[in-house]
PDB file of N, CA and C in Angstrom:
ATOM      1  N   UNK A   1      83.685 104.046 -87.712  1.00  0.00           N
ATOM      2  CA  UNK A   1      83.912 104.204 -89.131  1.00  0.00           C
ATOM      3  C   UNK A   1      84.650 102.966 -89.598  1.00  0.00           C
ATOM      4  N   UNK A   2      84.046 102.243 -90.528  1.00  0.00           N
ATOM      5  CA  UNK A   2      84.658 101.022 -91.025  1.00  0.00           C
ATOM      6  C   UNK A   2      84.151 100.750 -92.439  1.00  0.00           C
ATOM      7  N   UNK A   3      85.049 100.330 -93.334  1.00  0.00           N
ATOM      8  CA  UNK A   3      84.600  99.976 -94.680  1.00  0.00           C
ATOM      9  C   UNK A   3      83.707  98.738 -94.651  1.00  0.00           C
ATOM     10  N   UNK A   4      82.737  98.708 -95.528  1.00  0.00           N
ATOM     11  CA  UNK A   4      81.902  97.523 -95.711  1.00  0.00           C
ATOM     12  C   UNK A   4      82.447  96.803 -96.936  1.00  0.00           C
ATOM     13  N   UNK A   5      82.761  95.517 -96.773  1.00  0.00           N
ATOM     14  CA  UNK A   5      83.393  94.776 -97.857  1.00  0.00           C
ATOM     15  C   UNK A   5      82.656  93.473 -98.139  1.00  0.00           C
ATOM     16  N   UNK A   6      82.856  92.967 -99.341  1.00  0.00           N
ATOM     17  CA  UNK A   6      82.349  91.666 -99.741  1.00  0.00           C
ATOM     18  C   UNK A   6      83.502  90.927-100.425  1.00  0.00           C
ATOM     19  N   UNK A   7      83.782  89.716 -99.962  1.00  0.00           N
ATOM     20  CA  UNK A   7      84.828  88.883-100.547  1.00  0.00           C
ATOM     21  C   UNK A   7      86.207  89.546-100.485  1.00  0.00           C
ATOM     22  N   UNK A   8      86.510  90.233 -99.370  1.00  0.00           N
ATOM     23  CA  UNK A   8      87.818  90.856 -99.159  1.00  0.00           C
ATOM     24  C   UNK A   8      88.451  90.202 -97.938  1.00  0.00           C
ATOM     25  N   UNK A   9      89.418  89.302 -98.138  1.00  0.00           N
ATOM     26  CA  UNK A   9      90.018  88.602 -97.006  1.00  0.00           C
ATOM     27  C   UNK A   9      91.082  89.409 -96.257  1.00  0.00           C
ATOM     28  N   UNK A  10      91.662  90.423 -96.908  1.00  0.00           N
ATOM     29  CA  UNK A  10      92.716  91.216 -96.268  1.00  0.00           C
ATOM     30  C   UNK A  10      92.443  92.700 -96.455  1.00  0.00           C
ATOM     31  N   UNK A  11      92.540  93.455 -95.349  1.00  0.00           N
ATOM     32  CA  UNK A  11      92.283  94.887 -95.396  1.00  0.00           C
ATOM     33  C   UNK A  11      93.031  95.549 -94.253  1.00  0.00           C
ATOM     34  N   UNK A  12      93.625  96.708 -94.524  1.00  0.00           N
ATOM     35  CA  UNK A  12      94.225  97.548 -93.485  1.00  0.00           C
ATOM     36  C   UNK A  12      93.689  98.957 -93.673  1.00  0.00           C
ATOM     37  N   UNK A  13      93.190  99.558 -92.596  1.00  0.00           N
ATOM     38  CA  UNK A  13      92.684 100.925 -92.648  1.00  0.00           C
ATOM     39  C   UNK A  13      93.477 101.782 -91.673  1.00  0.00           C
ATOM     40  N   UNK A  14      93.853 102.966 -92.131  1.00  0.00           N
ATOM     41  CA  UNK A  14      94.562 103.923 -91.293  1.00  0.00           C
ATOM     42  C   UNK A  14      93.824 105.260 -91.344  1.00  0.00           C
ATOM     43  N   UNK A  15      93.851 105.972 -90.219  1.00  0.00           N
ATOM     44  CA  UNK A  15      93.263 107.306 -90.154  1.00  0.00           C
ATOM     45  C   UNK A  15      94.317 108.254 -89.611  1.00  0.00           C
ATOM     46  N   UNK A  16      94.405 109.438 -90.251  1.00  0.00           N
ATOM     47  CA  UNK A  16      95.406 110.439 -89.897  1.00  0.00           C
ATOM     48  C   UNK A  16      94.724 111.763 -89.568  1.00  0.00           C
ATOM     49  N   UNK A  17      95.338 112.520 -88.662  1.00  0.00           N
ATOM     50  CA  UNK A  17      94.824 113.860 -88.386  1.00  0.00           C
ATOM     51  C   UNK A  17      95.397 114.849 -89.396  1.00  0.00           C
ATOM     52  N   UNK A  18      95.053 116.110 -89.269  1.00  0.00           N
ATOM     53  CA  UNK A  18      95.470 117.111 -90.254  1.00  0.00           C
ATOM     54  C   UNK A  18      96.965 117.350 -90.299  1.00  0.00           C
ATOM     55  N   UNK A  19      97.704 116.911 -89.280  1.00  0.00           N
ATOM     56  CA  UNK A  19      99.155 117.060 -89.249  1.00  0.00           C
ATOM     57  C   UNK A  19      99.870 115.796 -89.713  1.00  0.00           C
ATOM     58  N   UNK A  20      99.124 114.814 -90.196  1.00  0.00           N
ATOM     59  CA  UNK A  20      99.706 113.591 -90.720  1.00  0.00           C
ATOM     60  C   UNK A  20     100.021 112.542 -89.675  1.00  0.00           C
ATOM     61  N   UNK A  21      99.603 112.768 -88.438  1.00  0.00           N
ATOM     62  CA  UNK A  21      99.839 111.800 -87.367  1.00  0.00           C
ATOM     63  C   UNK A  21      98.826 110.664 -87.481  1.00  0.00           C
ATOM     64  N   UNK A  22      99.324 109.431 -87.487  1.00  0.00           N
ATOM     65  CA  UNK A  22      98.415 108.283 -87.559  1.00  0.00           C
ATOM     66  C   UNK A  22      97.725 108.129 -86.215  1.00  0.00           C
ATOM     67  N   UNK A  23      96.391 108.181 -86.230  1.00  0.00           N
ATOM     68  CA  UNK A  23      95.643 108.077 -84.981  1.00  0.00           C
ATOM     69  C   UNK A  23      94.849 106.776 -84.880  1.00  0.00           C
ATOM     70  N   UNK A  24      94.834 105.999 -85.971  1.00  0.00           N
ATOM     71  CA  UNK A  24      94.137 104.706 -85.934  1.00  0.00           C
ATOM     72  C   UNK A  24      94.719 103.799 -87.003  1.00  0.00           C
ATOM     73  N   UNK A  25      94.829 102.516 -86.670  1.00  0.00           N
ATOM     74  CA  UNK A  25      95.143 101.493 -87.661  1.00  0.00           C
ATOM     75  C   UNK A  25      94.411 100.223 -87.269  1.00  0.00           C
ATOM     76  N   UNK A  26      93.725  99.639 -88.217  1.00  0.00           N
ATOM     77  CA  UNK A  26      92.982  98.405 -87.962  1.00  0.00           C
ATOM     78  C   UNK A  26      92.990  97.512 -89.188  1.00  0.00           C
ATOM     79  N   UNK A  27      92.542  96.277 -88.992  1.00  0.00           N
ATOM     80  CA  UNK A  27      92.490  95.328 -90.099  1.00  0.00           C
ATOM     81  C   UNK A  27      91.052  94.863 -90.320  1.00  0.00           C
ATOM     82  N   UNK A  28      90.891  93.842 -91.136  1.00  0.00           N
ATOM     83  CA  UNK A  28      89.561  93.350 -91.519  1.00  0.00           C
ATOM     84  C   UNK A  28      88.742  92.899 -90.313  1.00  0.00           C
ATOM     85  N   UNK A  29      89.408  92.470 -89.247  1.00  0.00           N
ATOM     86  CA  UNK A  29      88.711  91.986 -88.054  1.00  0.00           C
ATOM     87  C   UNK A  29      88.474  93.053 -86.994  1.00  0.00           C
ATOM     88  N   UNK A  30      88.992  94.247 -87.196  1.00  0.00           N
ATOM     89  CA  UNK A  30      88.833  95.329 -86.221  1.00  0.00           C
ATOM     90  C   UNK A  30      87.399  95.861 -86.242  1.00  0.00           C
ATOM     91  N   UNK A  31      86.931  96.389 -85.106  1.00  0.00           N
ATOM     92  CA  UNK A  31      85.570  96.925 -85.069  1.00  0.00           C
ATOM     93  C   UNK A  31      85.420  98.262 -85.786  1.00  0.00           C
ATOM     94  N   UNK A  32      86.515  98.897 -86.174  1.00  0.00           N
ATOM     95  CA  UNK A  32      86.460 100.206 -86.824  1.00  0.00           C
ATOM     96  C   UNK A  32      86.877 101.310 -85.874  1.00  0.00           C
ATOM     97  N   UNK A  33      87.002 102.513 -86.416  1.00  0.00           N
ATOM     98  CA  UNK A  33      87.438 103.660 -85.622  1.00  0.00           C
ATOM     99  C   UNK A  33      86.254 104.255 -84.890  1.00  0.00           C
ATOM    100  N   UNK A  34      86.424 104.492 -83.599  1.00  0.00           N
ATOM    101  CA  UNK A  34      85.336 105.025 -82.770  1.00  0.00           C
ATOM    102  C   UNK A  34      85.477 106.509 -82.466  1.00  0.00           C
ATOM    103  N   UNK A  35      86.378 107.200 -83.170  1.00  0.00           N
ATOM    104  CA  UNK A  35      86.534 108.638 -82.964  1.00  0.00           C
ATOM    105  C   UNK A  35      87.422 108.993 -81.791  1.00  0.00           C
ATOM    106  N   UNK A  36      88.263 108.051 -81.366  1.00  0.00           N
ATOM    107  CA  UNK A  36      89.164 108.317 -80.245  1.00  0.00           C
ATOM    108  C   UNK A  36      90.614 108.109 -80.673  1.00  0.00           C
ATOM    109  N   UNK A  37      91.516 108.662 -79.859  1.00  0.00           N
ATOM    110  CA  UNK A  37      92.954 108.454 -80.010  1.00  0.00           C
ATOM    111  C   UNK A  37      93.527 108.333 -78.609  1.00  0.00           C
ATOM    112  N   UNK A  38      94.208 107.226 -78.361  1.00  0.00           N
ATOM    113  CA  UNK A  38      94.766 106.925 -77.036  1.00  0.00           C
ATOM    114  C   UNK A  38      93.686 106.978 -75.960  1.00  0.00           C
ATOM    115  N   UNK A  39      92.494 106.494 -76.317  1.00  0.00           N
ATOM    116  CA  UNK A  39      91.397 106.397 -75.368  1.00  0.00           C
ATOM    117  C   UNK A  39      90.614 107.668 -75.115  1.00  0.00           C
ATOM    118  N   UNK A  40      90.983 108.761 -75.778  1.00  0.00           N
ATOM    119  CA  UNK A  40      90.296 110.044 -75.594  1.00  0.00           C
ATOM    120  C   UNK A  40      89.597 110.455 -76.895  1.00  0.00           C
ATOM    121  N   UNK A  41      88.403 111.045 -76.792  1.00  0.00           N
ATOM    122  CA  UNK A  41      87.721 111.529 -77.998  1.00  0.00           C
ATOM    123  C   UNK A  41      88.547 112.603 -78.702  1.00  0.00           C
ATOM    124  N   UNK A  42      88.625 112.518 -80.026  1.00  0.00           N
ATOM    125  CA  UNK A  42      89.329 113.548 -80.784  1.00  0.00           C
ATOM    126  C   UNK A  42      88.368 114.693 -81.077  1.00  0.00           C
ATOM    127  N   UNK A  43      88.928 115.824 -81.460  1.00  0.00           N
ATOM    128  CA  UNK A  43      88.103 117.008 -81.717  1.00  0.00           C
ATOM    129  C   UNK A  43      87.390 116.911 -83.060  1.00  0.00           C
ATOM    130  N   UNK A  44      86.340 117.703 -83.202  1.00  0.00           N
ATOM    131  CA  UNK A  44      85.670 117.819 -84.494  1.00  0.00           C
ATOM    132  C   UNK A  44      86.690 118.331 -85.490  1.00  0.00           C
ATOM    133  N   UNK A  45      86.806 117.668 -86.616  1.00  0.00           N
ATOM    134  CA  UNK A  45      87.810 118.065 -87.603  1.00  0.00           C
ATOM    135  C   UNK A  45      87.633 117.199 -88.846  1.00  0.00           C
ATOM    136  N   UNK A  46      88.476 117.435 -89.822  1.00  0.00           N
ATOM    137  CA  UNK A  46      88.530 116.607 -91.015  1.00  0.00           C
ATOM    138  C   UNK A  46      89.704 115.658 -90.856  1.00  0.00           C
ATOM    139  N   UNK A  47      89.476 114.378 -91.102  1.00  0.00           N
ATOM    140  CA  UNK A  47      90.494 113.344 -90.971  1.00  0.00           C
ATOM    141  C   UNK A  47      90.650 112.628 -92.305  1.00  0.00           C
ATOM    142  N   UNK A  48      91.857 112.139 -92.556  1.00  0.00           N
ATOM    143  CA  UNK A  48      92.160 111.421 -93.793  1.00  0.00           C
ATOM    144  C   UNK A  48      92.149 109.931 -93.502  1.00  0.00           C
ATOM    145  N   UNK A  49      91.488 109.159 -94.354  1.00  0.00           N
ATOM    146  CA  UNK A  49      91.512 107.703 -94.214  1.00  0.00           C
ATOM    147  C   UNK A  49      92.188 107.091 -95.427  1.00  0.00           C
ATOM    148  N   UNK A  50      92.871 105.975 -95.184  1.00  0.00           N
ATOM    149  CA  UNK A  50      93.504 105.194 -96.237  1.00  0.00           C
ATOM    150  C   UNK A  50      93.148 103.732 -96.018  1.00  0.00           C
ATOM    151  N   UNK A  51      92.797 103.050 -97.089  1.00  0.00           N
ATOM    152  CA  UNK A  51      92.476 101.623 -97.000  1.00  0.00           C
ATOM    153  C   UNK A  51      93.273 100.889 -98.076  1.00  0.00           C
ATOM    154  N   UNK A  52      93.972  99.848 -97.646  1.00  0.00           N
ATOM    155  CA  UNK A  52      94.649  98.933 -98.562  1.00  0.00           C
ATOM    156  C   UNK A  52      93.971  97.584 -98.409  1.00  0.00           C
ATOM    157  N   UNK A  53      93.622  96.954 -99.536  1.00  0.00           N
ATOM    158  CA  UNK A  53      92.964  95.658 -99.450  1.00  0.00           C
ATOM    159  C   UNK A  53      93.302  94.820-100.675  1.00  0.00           C
ATOM    160  N   UNK A  54      93.042  93.537-100.562  1.00  0.00           N
ATOM    161  CA  UNK A  54      93.221  92.642-101.697  1.00  0.00           C
ATOM    162  C   UNK A  54      92.066  91.667-101.750  1.00  0.00           C
ATOM    163  N   UNK A  55      91.717  91.303-102.961  1.00  0.00           N
ATOM    164  CA  UNK A  55      90.605  90.373-103.142  1.00  0.00           C
ATOM    165  C   UNK A  55      90.953  89.381-104.248  1.00  0.00           C
ATOM    166  N   UNK A  56      90.363  88.185-104.179  1.00  0.00           N
ATOM    167  CA  UNK A  56      90.678  87.161-105.172  1.00  0.00           C
ATOM    168  C   UNK A  56      90.051  87.467-106.524  1.00  0.00           C
ATOM    169  N   UNK A  57      90.809  87.160-107.566  1.00  0.00           N
ATOM    170  CA  UNK A  57      90.313  87.282-108.929  1.00  0.00           C
ATOM    171  C   UNK A  57      90.995  86.201-109.758  1.00  0.00           C
ATOM    172  N   UNK A  58      90.221  85.266-110.246  1.00  0.00           N
ATOM    173  CA  UNK A  58      90.794  84.149-110.991  1.00  0.00           C
ATOM    174  C   UNK A  58      91.684  83.318-110.088  1.00  0.00           C
ATOM    175  N   UNK A  59      92.920  83.107-110.532  1.00  0.00           N
ATOM    176  CA  UNK A  59      93.874  82.319-109.753  1.00  0.00           C
ATOM    177  C   UNK A  59      94.767  83.177-108.865  1.00  0.00           C
ATOM    178  N   UNK A  60      94.549  84.486-108.822  1.00  0.00           N
ATOM    179  CA  UNK A  60      95.415  85.370-108.043  1.00  0.00           C
ATOM    180  C   UNK A  60      94.625  86.367-107.219  1.00  0.00           C
ATOM    181  N   UNK A  61      95.307  87.421-106.832  1.00  0.00           N
ATOM    182  CA  UNK A  61      94.707  88.481-106.034  1.00  0.00           C
ATOM    183  C   UNK A  61      94.954  89.829-106.689  1.00  0.00           C
ATOM    184  N   UNK A  62      94.055  90.746-106.464  1.00  0.00           N
ATOM    185  CA  UNK A  62      94.192  92.131-106.911  1.00  0.00           C
ATOM    186  C   UNK A  62      94.407  92.992-105.673  1.00  0.00           C
ATOM    187  N   UNK A  63      95.452  93.822-105.682  1.00  0.00           N
ATOM    188  CA  UNK A  63      95.719  94.760-104.587  1.00  0.00           C
ATOM    189  C   UNK A  63      95.121  96.108-104.949  1.00  0.00           C
ATOM    190  N   UNK A  64      94.410  96.714-104.006  1.00  0.00           N
ATOM    191  CA  UNK A  64      93.766  98.008-104.224  1.00  0.00           C
ATOM    192  C   UNK A  64      94.137  98.967-103.099  1.00  0.00           C
ATOM    193  N   UNK A  65      94.057 100.253-103.403  1.00  0.00           N
ATOM    194  CA  UNK A  65      94.348 101.313-102.448  1.00  0.00           C
ATOM    195  C   UNK A  65      93.312 102.406-102.639  1.00  0.00           C
ATOM    196  N   UNK A  66      92.660 102.807-101.575  1.00  0.00           N
ATOM    197  CA  UNK A  66      91.659 103.886-101.621  1.00  0.00           C
ATOM    198  C   UNK A  66      91.977 104.882-100.514  1.00  0.00           C
ATOM    199  N   UNK A  67      91.571 106.133-100.700  1.00  0.00           N
ATOM    200  CA  UNK A  67      91.714 107.128 -99.637  1.00  0.00           C
ATOM    201  C   UNK A  67      90.635 108.183 -99.774  1.00  0.00           C
ATOM    202  N   UNK A  68      90.474 108.948 -98.721  1.00  0.00           N
ATOM    203  CA  UNK A  68      89.481 110.001 -98.724  1.00  0.00           C
ATOM    204  C   UNK A  68      89.511 110.753 -97.407  1.00  0.00           C
ATOM    205  N   UNK A  69      88.515 111.569 -97.196  1.00  0.00           N
ATOM    206  CA  UNK A  69      88.425 112.341 -95.951  1.00  0.00           C
ATOM    207  C   UNK A  69      87.098 112.052 -95.275  1.00  0.00           C
ATOM    208  N   UNK A  70      87.075 112.276 -93.977  1.00  0.00           N
ATOM    209  CA  UNK A  70      85.813 112.188 -93.241  1.00  0.00           C
ATOM    210  C   UNK A  70      85.718 113.383 -92.311  1.00  0.00           C
ATOM    211  N   UNK A  71      84.530 113.886 -92.161  1.00  0.00           N
ATOM    212  CA  UNK A  71      84.269 115.000 -91.254  1.00  0.00           C
ATOM    213  C   UNK A  71      83.697 114.442 -89.979  1.00  0.00           C
ATOM    214  N   UNK A  72      84.418 114.618 -88.878  1.00  0.00           N
ATOM    215  CA  UNK A  72      83.933 114.142 -87.589  1.00  0.00           C
ATOM    216  C   UNK A  72      83.172 115.258 -86.908  1.00  0.00           C
ATOM    217  N   UNK A  73      81.907 115.012 -86.624  1.00  0.00           N
ATOM    218  CA  UNK A  73      81.054 115.980 -85.930  1.00  0.00           C
ATOM    219  C   UNK A  73      80.586 115.355 -84.622  1.00  0.00           C
ATOM    220  N   UNK A  74      80.551 116.116 -83.597  1.00  0.00           N
ATOM    221  CA  UNK A  74      80.097 115.629 -82.300  1.00  0.00           C
ATOM    222  C   UNK A  74      78.872 116.388 -81.850  1.00  0.00           C
TER     223      UNK A  74
END
């Protein structure tokens, strides 16, 4: 699971389980979340994702924040 971006030089993505425990954090160069935590597959469940990114606009940058849920099915 990884955001697809265009012209975004900086990005941080975090994924949390239903108890608010952070189970993944990656940046623009990371391959994305593979459905594991500490090397073990996580259970089928709903997970929360958060993405913070910035992109150039004119002479500066715009900071953005997005979030949502994903359903992991195995």
